[in-house]
PDB file of all heavy atoms in Angstrom:
ATOM      1  N   PRO A   1       0.840  -1.301   0.060  1.00  0.00           N
ATOM      2  CA  PRO A   1       0.064  -0.010   0.006  1.00  0.00           C
ATOM      3  C   PRO A   1       0.837   1.264   0.016  1.00  0.00           C
ATOM      4  O   PRO A   1       1.857   1.358   0.823  1.00  0.00           O
ATOM      5  CB  PRO A   1      -0.829  -0.119   1.290  1.00  0.00           C
ATOM      6  CG  PRO A   1      -0.869  -1.643   1.509  1.00  0.00           C
ATOM      7  CD  PRO A   1       0.369  -2.143   1.051  1.00  0.00           C
ATOM      8  N   GLY A   2       0.511   2.183  -0.865  1.00  0.00           N
ATOM      9  CA  GLY A   2       1.169   3.463  -0.997  1.00  0.00           C
ATOM     10  C   GLY A   2       2.419   3.485  -1.801  1.00  0.00           C
ATOM     11  O   GLY A   2       3.028   4.516  -1.896  1.00  0.00           O
ATOM     12  N   LYS A   3       2.815   2.328  -2.351  1.00  0.00           N
ATOM     13  CA  LYS A   3       4.051   2.237  -3.113  1.00  0.00           C
ATOM     14  C   LYS A   3       3.713   1.749  -4.509  1.00  0.00           C
ATOM     15  O   LYS A   3       2.684   1.095  -4.818  1.00  0.00           O
ATOM     16  CB  LYS A   3       5.058   1.360  -2.511  1.00  0.00           C
ATOM     17  CG  LYS A   3       5.622   1.843  -1.172  1.00  0.00           C
ATOM     18  CD  LYS A   3       6.800   1.118  -0.644  1.00  0.00           C
ATOM     19  CE  LYS A   3       7.386   1.678   0.561  1.00  0.00           C
ATOM     20  NZ  LYS A   3       8.599   0.868   1.072  1.00  0.00           N
ATOM     21  N   GLU A   4       4.565   2.041  -5.393  1.00  0.00           N
ATOM     22  CA  GLU A   4       4.395   1.581  -6.860  1.00  0.00           C
ATOM     23  C   GLU A   4       4.764   0.133  -6.958  1.00  0.00           C
ATOM     24  O   GLU A   4       5.479  -0.402  -6.235  1.00  0.00           O
ATOM     25  CB  GLU A   4       5.338   2.396  -7.777  1.00  0.00           C
ATOM     26  CG  GLU A   4       4.979   3.944  -7.886  1.00  0.00           C
ATOM     27  CD  GLU A   4       5.906   4.668  -8.869  1.00  0.00           C
ATOM     28  OE1 GLU A   4       6.775   4.118  -9.344  1.00  0.00           O
ATOM     29  OE2 GLU A   4       5.450   5.831  -9.172  1.00  0.00           O
ATOM     30  N   ARG A   5       4.078  -0.484  -7.970  1.00  0.00           N
ATOM     31  CA  ARG A   5       4.368  -1.856  -8.293  1.00  0.00           C
ATOM     32  C   ARG A   5       5.810  -2.081  -8.802  1.00  0.00           C
ATOM     33  O   ARG A   5       6.250  -1.291  -9.657  1.00  0.00           O
ATOM     34  CB  ARG A   5       3.361  -2.379  -9.302  1.00  0.00           C
ATOM     35  CG  ARG A   5       3.298  -3.811  -9.510  1.00  0.00           C
ATOM     36  CD  ARG A   5       2.127  -4.290 -10.301  1.00  0.00           C
ATOM     37  NE  ARG A   5       0.924  -3.921  -9.586  1.00  0.00           N
ATOM     38  CZ  ARG A   5      -0.398  -4.271 -10.007  1.00  0.00           C
ATOM     39  NH1 ARG A   5      -0.496  -4.950 -11.077  1.00  0.00           N
ATOM     40  NH2 ARG A   5      -1.465  -3.878  -9.303  1.00  0.00           N
ATOM     41  N   GLU A   6       6.480  -2.950  -8.218  1.00  0.00           N
ATOM     42  CA  GLU A   6       7.936  -3.131  -8.626  1.00  0.00           C
ATOM     43  C   GLU A   6       8.189  -4.526  -9.148  1.00  0.00           C
ATOM     44  O   GLU A   6       7.508  -5.531  -8.633  1.00  0.00           O
ATOM     45  CB  GLU A   6       8.865  -2.885  -7.428  1.00  0.00           C
ATOM     46  CG  GLU A   6       8.766  -3.867  -6.295  1.00  0.00           C
ATOM     47  CD  GLU A   6       9.903  -3.808  -5.247  1.00  0.00           C
ATOM     48  OE1 GLU A   6      10.954  -3.284  -5.688  1.00  0.00           O
ATOM     49  OE2 GLU A   6       9.746  -4.296  -4.118  1.00  0.00           O
ATOM     50  N   CYS A   7       9.076  -4.675 -10.078  1.00  0.00           N
ATOM     51  CA  CYS A   7       9.409  -5.917 -10.708  1.00  0.00           C
ATOM     52  C   CYS A   7      10.352  -6.648  -9.689  1.00  0.00           C
ATOM     53  O   CYS A   7      11.375  -6.204  -9.255  1.00  0.00           O
ATOM     54  CB  CYS A   7      10.013  -5.729 -11.980  1.00  0.00           C
ATOM     55  SG  CYS A   7      10.385  -7.371 -12.903  1.00  0.00           S
ATOM     56  N   VAL A   8       9.929  -7.892  -9.410  1.00  0.00           N
ATOM     57  CA  VAL A   8      10.767  -8.774  -8.628  1.00  0.00           C
ATOM     58  C   VAL A   8      11.684  -9.674  -9.438  1.00  0.00           C
ATOM     59  O   VAL A   8      12.789  -9.871  -9.182  1.00  0.00           O
ATOM     60  CB  VAL A   8       9.855  -9.583  -7.632  1.00  0.00           C
ATOM     61  CG1 VAL A   8      10.743 -10.635  -6.845  1.00  0.00           C
ATOM     62  CG2 VAL A   8       9.077  -8.722  -6.727  1.00  0.00           C
ATOM     63  N   ALA A   9      11.038 -10.187 -10.488  1.00  0.00           N
ATOM     64  CA  ALA A   9      11.806 -11.134 -11.412  1.00  0.00           C
ATOM     65  C   ALA A   9      11.113 -11.234 -12.748  1.00  0.00           C
ATOM     66  O   ALA A   9       9.884 -10.927 -12.818  1.00  0.00           O
ATOM     67  CB  ALA A   9      11.929 -12.521 -10.770  1.00  0.00           C
ATOM     68  N   ALA A  10      11.785 -11.542 -13.734  1.00  0.00           N
ATOM     69  CA  ALA A  10      11.321 -11.621 -15.176  1.00  0.00           C
ATOM     70  C   ALA A  10      11.917 -12.636 -15.947  1.00  0.00           C
ATOM     71  O   ALA A  10      13.140 -12.981 -15.611  1.00  0.00           O
ATOM     72  CB  ALA A  10      11.381 -10.236 -15.843  1.00  0.00           C
ATOM     73  N   HIS A  11      11.173 -13.216 -16.843  1.00  0.00           N
ATOM     74  CA  HIS A  11      11.717 -14.327 -17.655  1.00  0.00           C
ATOM     75  C   HIS A  11      11.350 -14.134 -19.109  1.00  0.00           C
ATOM     76  O   HIS A  11      10.251 -13.800 -19.450  1.00  0.00           O
ATOM     77  CB  HIS A  11      10.997 -15.612 -17.105  1.00  0.00           C
ATOM     78  CG  HIS A  11      11.768 -16.940 -17.492  1.00  0.00           C
ATOM     79  ND1 HIS A  11      11.977 -17.348 -18.819  1.00  0.00           N
ATOM     80  CD2 HIS A  11      12.305 -17.877 -16.717  1.00  0.00           C
ATOM     81  CE1 HIS A  11      12.594 -18.445 -18.757  1.00  0.00           C
ATOM     82  NE2 HIS A  11      12.839 -18.822 -17.546  1.00  0.00           N
ATOM     83  N   SER A  12      12.307 -14.320 -20.028  1.00  0.00           N
ATOM     84  CA  SER A  12      12.038 -14.233 -21.471  1.00  0.00           C
ATOM     85  C   SER A  12      11.194 -15.296 -22.044  1.00  0.00           C
ATOM     86  O   SER A  12      11.072 -16.347 -21.341  1.00  0.00           O
ATOM     87  CB  SER A  12      13.384 -14.176 -22.174  1.00  0.00           C
ATOM     88  OG  SER A  12      14.024 -15.368 -22.133  1.00  0.00           O
ATOM     89  N   ARG A  13      10.660 -15.217 -23.244  1.00  0.00           N
ATOM     90  CA  ARG A  13       9.850 -16.192 -23.867  1.00  0.00           C
ATOM     91  C   ARG A  13      10.810 -17.338 -24.306  1.00  0.00           C
ATOM     92  O   ARG A  13      10.340 -18.581 -24.137  1.00  0.00           O
ATOM     93  CB  ARG A  13       9.137 -15.580 -25.025  1.00  0.00           C
ATOM     94  CG  ARG A  13       8.423 -16.619 -25.873  1.00  0.00           C
ATOM     95  CD  ARG A  13       7.485 -15.997 -26.886  1.00  0.00           C
ATOM     96  NE  ARG A  13       8.207 -15.137 -27.830  1.00  0.00           N
ATOM     97  CZ  ARG A  13       8.818 -15.503 -28.947  1.00  0.00           C
ATOM     98  NH1 ARG A  13       8.787 -16.735 -29.307  1.00  0.00           N
ATOM     99  NH2 ARG A  13       9.410 -14.611 -29.769  1.00  0.00           N
ATOM    100  N   VAL A  14      11.978 -17.023 -24.875  1.00  0.00           N
ATOM    101  CA  VAL A  14      12.945 -18.104 -25.225  1.00  0.00           C
ATOM    102  C   VAL A  14      14.253 -17.716 -24.759  1.00  0.00           C
ATOM    103  O   VAL A  14      14.491 -16.650 -24.398  1.00  0.00           O
ATOM    104  CB  VAL A  14      12.913 -18.244 -26.813  1.00  0.00           C
ATOM    105  CG1 VAL A  14      11.568 -18.681 -27.292  1.00  0.00           C
ATOM    106  CG2 VAL A  14      13.370 -16.943 -27.418  1.00  0.00           C
ATOM    107  N   GLY A  15      15.125 -18.731 -24.676  1.00  0.00           N
ATOM    108  CA  GLY A  15      16.468 -18.514 -24.301  1.00  0.00           C
ATOM    109  C   GLY A  15      16.820 -18.546 -22.785  1.00  0.00           C
ATOM    110  O   GLY A  15      17.962 -18.505 -22.445  1.00  0.00           O
ATOM    111  N   GLY A  16      15.779 -18.628 -21.994  1.00  0.00           N
ATOM    112  CA  GLY A  16      15.976 -18.654 -20.568  1.00  0.00           C
ATOM    113  C   GLY A  16      16.611 -17.476 -19.914  1.00  0.00           C
ATOM    114  O   GLY A  16      17.241 -17.649 -18.883  1.00  0.00           O
ATOM    115  N   ASN A  17      16.537 -16.336 -20.524  1.00  0.00           N
ATOM    116  CA  ASN A  17      17.045 -15.051 -19.968  1.00  0.00           C
ATOM    117  C   ASN A  17      16.172 -14.501 -18.831  1.00  0.00           C
ATOM    118  O   ASN A  17      14.929 -14.492 -18.974  1.00  0.00           O
ATOM    119  CB  ASN A  17      17.236 -14.042 -21.055  1.00  0.00           C
ATOM    120  CG  ASN A  17      18.195 -14.426 -22.077  1.00  0.00           C
ATOM    121  OD1 ASN A  17      19.238 -14.981 -21.808  1.00  0.00           O
ATOM    122  ND2 ASN A  17      17.791 -14.351 -23.369  1.00  0.00           N
ATOM    123  N   THR A  18      16.825 -14.271 -17.723  1.00  0.00           N
ATOM    124  CA  THR A  18      16.065 -13.896 -16.494  1.00  0.00           C
ATOM    125  C   THR A  18      16.521 -12.610 -15.841  1.00  0.00           C
ATOM    126  O   THR A  18      17.797 -12.262 -16.069  1.00  0.00           O
ATOM    127  CB  THR A  18      16.004 -15.016 -15.403  1.00  0.00           C
ATOM    128  OG1 THR A  18      17.303 -15.312 -15.015  1.00  0.00           O
ATOM    129  CG2 THR A  18      15.381 -16.231 -16.038  1.00  0.00           C
ATOM    130  N   TYR A  19      15.778 -11.973 -15.146  1.00  0.00           N
ATOM    131  CA  TYR A  19      16.127 -10.783 -14.257  1.00  0.00           C
ATOM    132  C   TYR A  19      15.649 -11.042 -12.814  1.00  0.00           C
ATOM    133  O   TYR A  19      14.500 -11.566 -12.686  1.00  0.00           O
ATOM    134  CB  TYR A  19      15.490  -9.478 -14.877  1.00  0.00           C
ATOM    135  CG  TYR A  19      15.460  -8.367 -13.853  1.00  0.00           C
ATOM    136  CD1 TYR A  19      16.534  -7.573 -13.656  1.00  0.00           C
ATOM    137  CD2 TYR A  19      14.331  -8.175 -13.023  1.00  0.00           C
ATOM    138  CE1 TYR A  19      16.501  -6.509 -12.791  1.00  0.00           C
ATOM    139  CE2 TYR A  19      14.256  -7.164 -12.193  1.00  0.00           C
ATOM    140  CZ  TYR A  19      15.282  -6.275 -11.955  1.00  0.00           C
ATOM    141  OH  TYR A  19      15.292  -5.362 -11.102  1.00  0.00           O
ATOM    142  N   VAL A  20      16.424 -10.708 -11.884  1.00  0.00           N
ATOM    143  CA  VAL A  20      16.031 -10.786 -10.501  1.00  0.00           C
ATOM    144  C   VAL A  20      16.472  -9.499  -9.805  1.00  0.00           C
ATOM    145  O   VAL A  20      17.609  -9.034 -10.027  1.00  0.00           O
ATOM    146  CB  VAL A  20      16.617 -11.977  -9.750  1.00  0.00           C
ATOM    147  CG1 VAL A  20      16.201 -12.074  -8.357  1.00  0.00           C
ATOM    148  CG2 VAL A  20      16.329 -13.318 -10.506  1.00  0.00           C
ATOM    149  N   ALA A  21      15.503  -8.816  -9.148  1.00  0.00           N
ATOM    150  CA  ALA A  21      15.831  -7.575  -8.426  1.00  0.00           C
ATOM    151  C   ALA A  21      16.960  -7.810  -7.391  1.00  0.00           C
ATOM    152  O   ALA A  21      17.055  -8.834  -6.807  1.00  0.00           O
ATOM    153  CB  ALA A  21      14.543  -7.079  -7.737  1.00  0.00           C
ATOM    154  N   ASN A  22      17.718  -6.718  -7.202  1.00  0.00           N
ATOM    155  CA  ASN A  22      18.849  -6.814  -6.241  1.00  0.00           C
ATOM    156  C   ASN A  22      18.359  -7.156  -4.842  1.00  0.00           C
ATOM    157  O   ASN A  22      18.991  -7.827  -4.054  1.00  0.00           O
ATOM    158  CB  ASN A  22      19.651  -5.548  -6.194  1.00  0.00           C
ATOM    159  CG  ASN A  22      20.439  -5.323  -7.400  1.00  0.00           C
ATOM    160  OD1 ASN A  22      20.828  -6.354  -8.094  1.00  0.00           O
ATOM    161  ND2 ASN A  22      20.784  -4.089  -7.793  1.00  0.00           N
ATOM    162  N   SER A  23      17.122  -6.623  -4.517  1.00  0.00           N
ATOM    163  CA  SER A  23      16.594  -6.816  -3.220  1.00  0.00           C
ATOM    164  C   SER A  23      16.240  -8.320  -2.853  1.00  0.00           C
ATOM    165  O   SER A  23      16.097  -8.657  -1.703  1.00  0.00           O
ATOM    166  CB  SER A  23      15.340  -5.970  -2.920  1.00  0.00           C
ATOM    167  OG  SER A  23      14.374  -6.315  -3.917  1.00  0.00           O
ATOM    168  N   VAL A  24      16.148  -9.083  -3.846  1.00  0.00           N
ATOM    169  CA  VAL A  24      15.703 -10.477  -3.640  1.00  0.00           C
ATOM    170  C   VAL A  24      16.736 -11.479  -4.246  1.00  0.00           C
ATOM    171  O   VAL A  24      16.500 -12.666  -4.186  1.00  0.00           O
ATOM    172  CB  VAL A  24      14.295 -10.836  -4.154  1.00  0.00           C
ATOM    173  CG1 VAL A  24      13.335  -9.942  -3.484  1.00  0.00           C
ATOM    174  CG2 VAL A  24      14.183 -10.671  -5.694  1.00  0.00           C
ATOM    175  N   LYS A  25      17.818 -10.922  -4.878  1.00  0.00           N
ATOM    176  CA  LYS A  25      18.846 -11.748  -5.535  1.00  0.00           C
ATOM    177  C   LYS A  25      19.471 -12.764  -4.542  1.00  0.00           C
ATOM    178  O   LYS A  25      19.867 -12.309  -3.486  1.00  0.00           O
ATOM    179  CB  LYS A  25      19.854 -10.898  -6.261  1.00  0.00           C
ATOM    180  CG  LYS A  25      20.804 -11.685  -7.145  1.00  0.00           C
ATOM    181  CD  LYS A  25      21.687 -10.635  -7.950  1.00  0.00           C
ATOM    182  CE  LYS A  25      20.813  -9.861  -8.847  1.00  0.00           C
ATOM    183  NZ  LYS A  25      21.665  -8.919  -9.732  1.00  0.00           N
ATOM    184  N   GLY A  26      19.604 -13.958  -5.016  1.00  0.00           N
ATOM    185  CA  GLY A  26      20.054 -14.979  -4.157  1.00  0.00           C
ATOM    186  C   GLY A  26      19.047 -15.747  -3.256  1.00  0.00           C
ATOM    187  O   GLY A  26      19.278 -16.710  -2.647  1.00  0.00           O
ATOM    188  N   ARG A  27      17.864 -15.143  -3.265  1.00  0.00           N
ATOM    189  CA  ARG A  27      16.757 -15.709  -2.349  1.00  0.00           C
ATOM    190  C   ARG A  27      15.594 -16.142  -3.298  1.00  0.00           C
ATOM    191  O   ARG A  27      14.964 -17.180  -3.010  1.00  0.00           O
ATOM    192  CB  ARG A  27      16.204 -14.724  -1.311  1.00  0.00           C
ATOM    193  CG  ARG A  27      17.384 -14.315  -0.376  1.00  0.00           C
ATOM    194  CD  ARG A  27      16.758 -13.491   0.732  1.00  0.00           C
ATOM    195  NE  ARG A  27      16.250 -12.197   0.240  1.00  0.00           N
ATOM    196  CZ  ARG A  27      14.911 -11.890   0.337  1.00  0.00           C
ATOM    197  NH1 ARG A  27      14.034 -12.659   0.908  1.00  0.00           N
ATOM    198  NH2 ARG A  27      14.474 -10.689  -0.057  1.00  0.00           N
ATOM    199  N   PHE A  28      15.300 -15.441  -4.310  1.00  0.00           N
ATOM    200  CA  PHE A  28      14.159 -15.721  -5.241  1.00  0.00           C
ATOM    201  C   PHE A  28      14.687 -16.207  -6.550  1.00  0.00           C
ATOM    202  O   PHE A  28      15.652 -15.789  -7.145  1.00  0.00           O
ATOM    203  CB  PHE A  28      13.257 -14.488  -5.536  1.00  0.00           C
ATOM    204  CG  PHE A  28      12.516 -13.931  -4.350  1.00  0.00           C
ATOM    205  CD1 PHE A  28      12.665 -14.442  -3.100  1.00  0.00           C
ATOM    206  CD2 PHE A  28      11.504 -12.995  -4.595  1.00  0.00           C
ATOM    207  CE1 PHE A  28      12.053 -13.918  -1.936  1.00  0.00           C
ATOM    208  CE2 PHE A  28      10.889 -12.508  -3.480  1.00  0.00           C
ATOM    209  CZ  PHE A  28      11.054 -12.962  -2.238  1.00  0.00           C
ATOM    210  N   THR A  29      13.945 -17.152  -7.129  1.00  0.00           N
ATOM    211  CA  THR A  29      14.256 -17.773  -8.468  1.00  0.00           C
ATOM    212  C   THR A  29      12.918 -17.821  -9.287  1.00  0.00           C
ATOM    213  O   THR A  29      11.936 -18.398  -8.816  1.00  0.00           O
ATOM    214  CB  THR A  29      14.774 -19.216  -8.292  1.00  0.00           C
ATOM    215  OG1 THR A  29      15.997 -19.139  -7.502  1.00  0.00           O
ATOM    216  CG2 THR A  29      15.207 -19.711  -9.653  1.00  0.00           C
ATOM    217  N   ILE A  30      13.007 -17.301 -10.481  1.00  0.00           N
ATOM    218  CA  ILE A  30      11.891 -17.336 -11.420  1.00  0.00           C
ATOM    219  C   ILE A  30      12.157 -18.423 -12.434  1.00  0.00           C
ATOM    220  O   ILE A  30      13.378 -18.741 -12.842  1.00  0.00           O
ATOM    221  CB  ILE A  30      11.640 -16.004 -12.121  1.00  0.00           C
ATOM    222  CG1 ILE A  30      10.441 -16.099 -13.021  1.00  0.00           C
ATOM    223  CG2 ILE A  30      12.917 -15.662 -13.104  1.00  0.00           C
ATOM    224  CD1 ILE A  30      10.053 -14.696 -13.525  1.00  0.00           C
ATOM    225  N   SER A  31      11.143 -19.235 -12.718  1.00  0.00           N
ATOM    226  CA  SER A  31      11.325 -20.284 -13.680  1.00  0.00           C
ATOM    227  C   SER A  31       9.993 -20.714 -14.454  1.00  0.00           C
ATOM    228  O   SER A  31       8.924 -20.115 -14.030  1.00  0.00           O
ATOM    229  CB  SER A  31      11.753 -21.617 -12.933  1.00  0.00           C
ATOM    230  OG  SER A  31      10.774 -22.039 -11.967  1.00  0.00           O
ATOM    231  N   ARG A  32      10.076 -21.348 -15.521  1.00  0.00           N
ATOM    232  CA  ARG A  32       8.914 -21.756 -16.236  1.00  0.00           C
ATOM    233  C   ARG A  32       9.025 -23.300 -16.475  1.00  0.00           C
ATOM    234  O   ARG A  32      10.109 -23.869 -16.611  1.00  0.00           O
ATOM    235  CB  ARG A  32       8.884 -21.057 -17.565  1.00  0.00           C
ATOM    236  CG  ARG A  32       8.934 -19.581 -17.488  1.00  0.00           C
ATOM    237  CD  ARG A  32       8.946 -18.789 -18.840  1.00  0.00           C
ATOM    238  NE  ARG A  32       7.612 -18.893 -19.493  1.00  0.00           N
ATOM    239  CZ  ARG A  32       7.230 -18.098 -20.426  1.00  0.00           C
ATOM    240  NH1 ARG A  32       7.997 -17.174 -20.829  1.00  0.00           N
ATOM    241  NH2 ARG A  32       6.077 -18.328 -21.013  1.00  0.00           N
ATOM    242  N   ASP A  33       7.831 -23.970 -16.482  1.00  0.00           N
ATOM    243  CA  ASP A  33       7.928 -25.378 -16.686  1.00  0.00           C
ATOM    244  C   ASP A  33       8.238 -25.659 -18.240  1.00  0.00           C
ATOM    245  O   ASP A  33       8.241 -24.757 -19.085  1.00  0.00           O
ATOM    246  CB  ASP A  33       6.585 -26.018 -16.316  1.00  0.00           C
ATOM    247  CG  ASP A  33       5.414 -25.694 -17.163  1.00  0.00           C
ATOM    248  OD1 ASP A  33       5.446 -24.560 -17.733  1.00  0.00           O
ATOM    249  OD2 ASP A  33       4.522 -26.521 -17.326  1.00  0.00           O
ATOM    250  N   ASN A  34       8.603 -26.949 -18.519  1.00  0.00           N
ATOM    251  CA  ASN A  34       9.011 -27.249 -19.836  1.00  0.00           C
ATOM    252  C   ASN A  34       7.953 -27.033 -20.946  1.00  0.00           C
ATOM    253  O   ASN A  34       8.304 -26.669 -22.088  1.00  0.00           O
ATOM    254  CB  ASN A  34       9.456 -28.743 -19.884  1.00  0.00           C
ATOM    255  CG  ASN A  34      10.672 -29.033 -19.075  1.00  0.00           C
ATOM    256  OD1 ASN A  34      11.569 -28.160 -18.942  1.00  0.00           O
ATOM    257  ND2 ASN A  34      10.868 -30.299 -18.630  1.00  0.00           N
ATOM    258  N   ALA A  35       6.738 -27.218 -20.603  1.00  0.00           N
ATOM    259  CA  ALA A  35       5.628 -27.068 -21.543  1.00  0.00           C
ATOM    260  C   ALA A  35       5.295 -25.539 -21.709  1.00  0.00           C
ATOM    261  O   ALA A  35       4.389 -25.275 -22.502  1.00  0.00           O
ATOM    262  CB  ALA A  35       4.432 -27.867 -21.173  1.00  0.00           C
ATOM    263  N   MET A  36       5.771 -24.655 -20.810  1.00  0.00           N
ATOM    264  CA  MET A  36       5.624 -23.238 -20.905  1.00  0.00           C
ATOM    265  C   MET A  36       4.088 -22.933 -20.527  1.00  0.00           C
ATOM    266  O   MET A  36       3.566 -21.942 -21.042  1.00  0.00           O
ATOM    267  CB  MET A  36       5.948 -22.647 -22.171  1.00  0.00           C
ATOM    268  CG  MET A  36       7.391 -22.968 -22.728  1.00  0.00           C
ATOM    269  SD  MET A  36       8.639 -22.123 -21.728  1.00  0.00           S
ATOM    270  CE  MET A  36       8.648 -20.476 -22.373  1.00  0.00           C
ATOM    271  N   ASN A  37       3.617 -23.715 -19.692  1.00  0.00           N
ATOM    272  CA  ASN A  37       2.220 -23.567 -19.181  1.00  0.00           C
ATOM    273  C   ASN A  37       2.165 -22.856 -17.841  1.00  0.00           C
ATOM    274  O   ASN A  37       1.054 -22.278 -17.576  1.00  0.00           O
ATOM    275  CB  ASN A  37       1.513 -24.866 -19.139  1.00  0.00           C
ATOM    276  CG  ASN A  37       1.234 -25.526 -20.413  1.00  0.00           C
ATOM    277  OD1 ASN A  37       1.159 -24.900 -21.453  1.00  0.00           O
ATOM    278  ND2 ASN A  37       1.239 -26.890 -20.418  1.00  0.00           N
ATOM    279  N   THR A  38       3.233 -22.883 -17.106  1.00  0.00           N
ATOM    280  CA  THR A  38       3.152 -22.338 -15.679  1.00  0.00           C
ATOM    281  C   THR A  38       4.339 -21.517 -15.439  1.00  0.00           C
ATOM    282  O   THR A  38       5.490 -21.847 -15.848  1.00  0.00           O
ATOM    283  CB  THR A  38       3.040 -23.491 -14.692  1.00  0.00           C
ATOM    284  OG1 THR A  38       1.941 -24.303 -15.018  1.00  0.00           O
ATOM    285  CG2 THR A  38       2.775 -22.924 -13.365  1.00  0.00           C
ATOM    286  N   LEU A  39       4.289 -20.379 -14.818  1.00  0.00           N
ATOM    287  CA  LEU A  39       5.380 -19.536 -14.220  1.00  0.00           C
ATOM    288  C   LEU A  39       5.433 -19.716 -12.756  1.00  0.00           C
ATOM    289  O   LEU A  39       4.435 -19.713 -12.090  1.00  0.00           O
ATOM    290  CB  LEU A  39       5.018 -18.120 -14.607  1.00  0.00           C
ATOM    291  CG  LEU A  39       6.102 -17.108 -14.133  1.00  0.00           C
ATOM    292  CD1 LEU A  39       7.381 -17.177 -14.882  1.00  0.00           C
ATOM    293  CD2 LEU A  39       5.448 -15.702 -14.147  1.00  0.00           C
ATOM    294  N   TYR A  40       6.682 -19.818 -12.236  1.00  0.00           N
ATOM    295  CA  TYR A  40       6.909 -20.047 -10.868  1.00  0.00           C
ATOM    296  C   TYR A  40       7.749 -18.896 -10.347  1.00  0.00           C
ATOM    297  O   TYR A  40       8.565 -18.345 -11.013  1.00  0.00           O
ATOM    298  CB  TYR A  40       7.524 -21.433 -10.556  1.00  0.00           C
ATOM    299  CG  TYR A  40       6.784 -22.651 -11.093  1.00  0.00           C
ATOM    300  CD1 TYR A  40       7.151 -23.217 -12.203  1.00  0.00           C
ATOM    301  CD2 TYR A  40       5.772 -23.130 -10.304  1.00  0.00           C
ATOM    302  CE1 TYR A  40       6.383 -24.342 -12.697  1.00  0.00           C
ATOM    303  CE2 TYR A  40       5.044 -24.178 -10.736  1.00  0.00           C
ATOM    304  CZ  TYR A  40       5.304 -24.742 -11.898  1.00  0.00           C
ATOM    305  OH  TYR A  40       4.683 -25.954 -12.320  1.00  0.00           O
ATOM    306  N   LEU A  41       7.583 -18.663  -8.984  1.00  0.00           N
ATOM    307  CA  LEU A  41       8.496 -17.815  -8.256  1.00  0.00           C
ATOM    308  C   LEU A  41       8.857 -18.586  -6.942  1.00  0.00           C
ATOM    309  O   LEU A  41       7.968 -18.653  -5.975  1.00  0.00           O
ATOM    310  CB  LEU A  41       7.947 -16.456  -7.966  1.00  0.00           C
ATOM    311  CG  LEU A  41       8.850 -15.523  -7.168  1.00  0.00           C
ATOM    312  CD1 LEU A  41      10.065 -15.133  -8.111  1.00  0.00           C
ATOM    313  CD2 LEU A  41       8.149 -14.335  -6.724  1.00  0.00           C
ATOM    314  N   GLN A  42      10.056 -19.127  -6.879  1.00  0.00           N
ATOM    315  CA  GLN A  42      10.513 -19.838  -5.643  1.00  0.00           C
ATOM    316  C   GLN A  42      11.073 -18.791  -4.726  1.00  0.00           C
ATOM    317  O   GLN A  42      12.030 -18.070  -5.065  1.00  0.00           O
ATOM    318  CB  GLN A  42      11.495 -20.826  -5.914  1.00  0.00           C
ATOM    319  CG  GLN A  42      12.044 -21.627  -4.772  1.00  0.00           C
ATOM    320  CD  GLN A  42      11.009 -22.362  -4.005  1.00  0.00           C
ATOM    321  OE1 GLN A  42      10.210 -23.137  -4.654  1.00  0.00           O
ATOM    322  NE2 GLN A  42      10.922 -22.293  -2.686  1.00  0.00           N
ATOM    323  N   MET A  43      10.551 -18.561  -3.505  1.00  0.00           N
ATOM    324  CA  MET A  43      11.004 -17.586  -2.594  1.00  0.00           C
ATOM    325  C   MET A  43      11.556 -18.313  -1.330  1.00  0.00           C
ATOM    326  O   MET A  43      10.842 -18.930  -0.587  1.00  0.00           O
ATOM    327  CB  MET A  43       9.805 -16.682  -2.235  1.00  0.00           C
ATOM    328  CG  MET A  43       9.150 -15.980  -3.390  1.00  0.00           C
ATOM    329  SD  MET A  43       7.831 -14.801  -2.901  1.00  0.00           S
ATOM    330  CE  MET A  43       6.691 -15.946  -2.196  1.00  0.00           C
ATOM    331  N   ASN A  44      12.824 -18.118  -1.115  1.00  0.00           N
ATOM    332  CA  ASN A  44      13.521 -18.728   0.039  1.00  0.00           C
ATOM    333  C   ASN A  44      13.911 -17.559   0.967  1.00  0.00           C
ATOM    334  O   ASN A  44      14.081 -16.414   0.564  1.00  0.00           O
ATOM    335  CB  ASN A  44      14.646 -19.576  -0.368  1.00  0.00           C
ATOM    336  CG  ASN A  44      14.265 -20.692  -1.253  1.00  0.00           C
ATOM    337  OD1 ASN A  44      13.208 -21.277  -1.002  1.00  0.00           O
ATOM    338  ND2 ASN A  44      15.101 -21.096  -2.169  1.00  0.00           N
ATOM    339  N   SER A  45      14.267 -18.027   2.203  1.00  0.00           N
ATOM    340  CA  SER A  45      14.789 -17.089   3.258  1.00  0.00           C
ATOM    341  C   SER A  45      13.965 -15.777   3.268  1.00  0.00           C
ATOM    342  O   SER A  45      14.455 -14.571   3.256  1.00  0.00           O
ATOM    343  CB  SER A  45      16.192 -16.743   2.905  1.00  0.00           C
ATOM    344  OG  SER A  45      17.059 -17.864   2.985  1.00  0.00           O
TER     345      SER A  45
END
């Protein structure tokens, strides 16, 4: 509340190129399943 929406992680359509915000780097992982039907965000720590 009261803050702008921020990108935590992003994933390309092909090539497996990803972005992870510095604030969550090393803790969060973005991934897609092999069939490209589901997007995941694994959040640790």
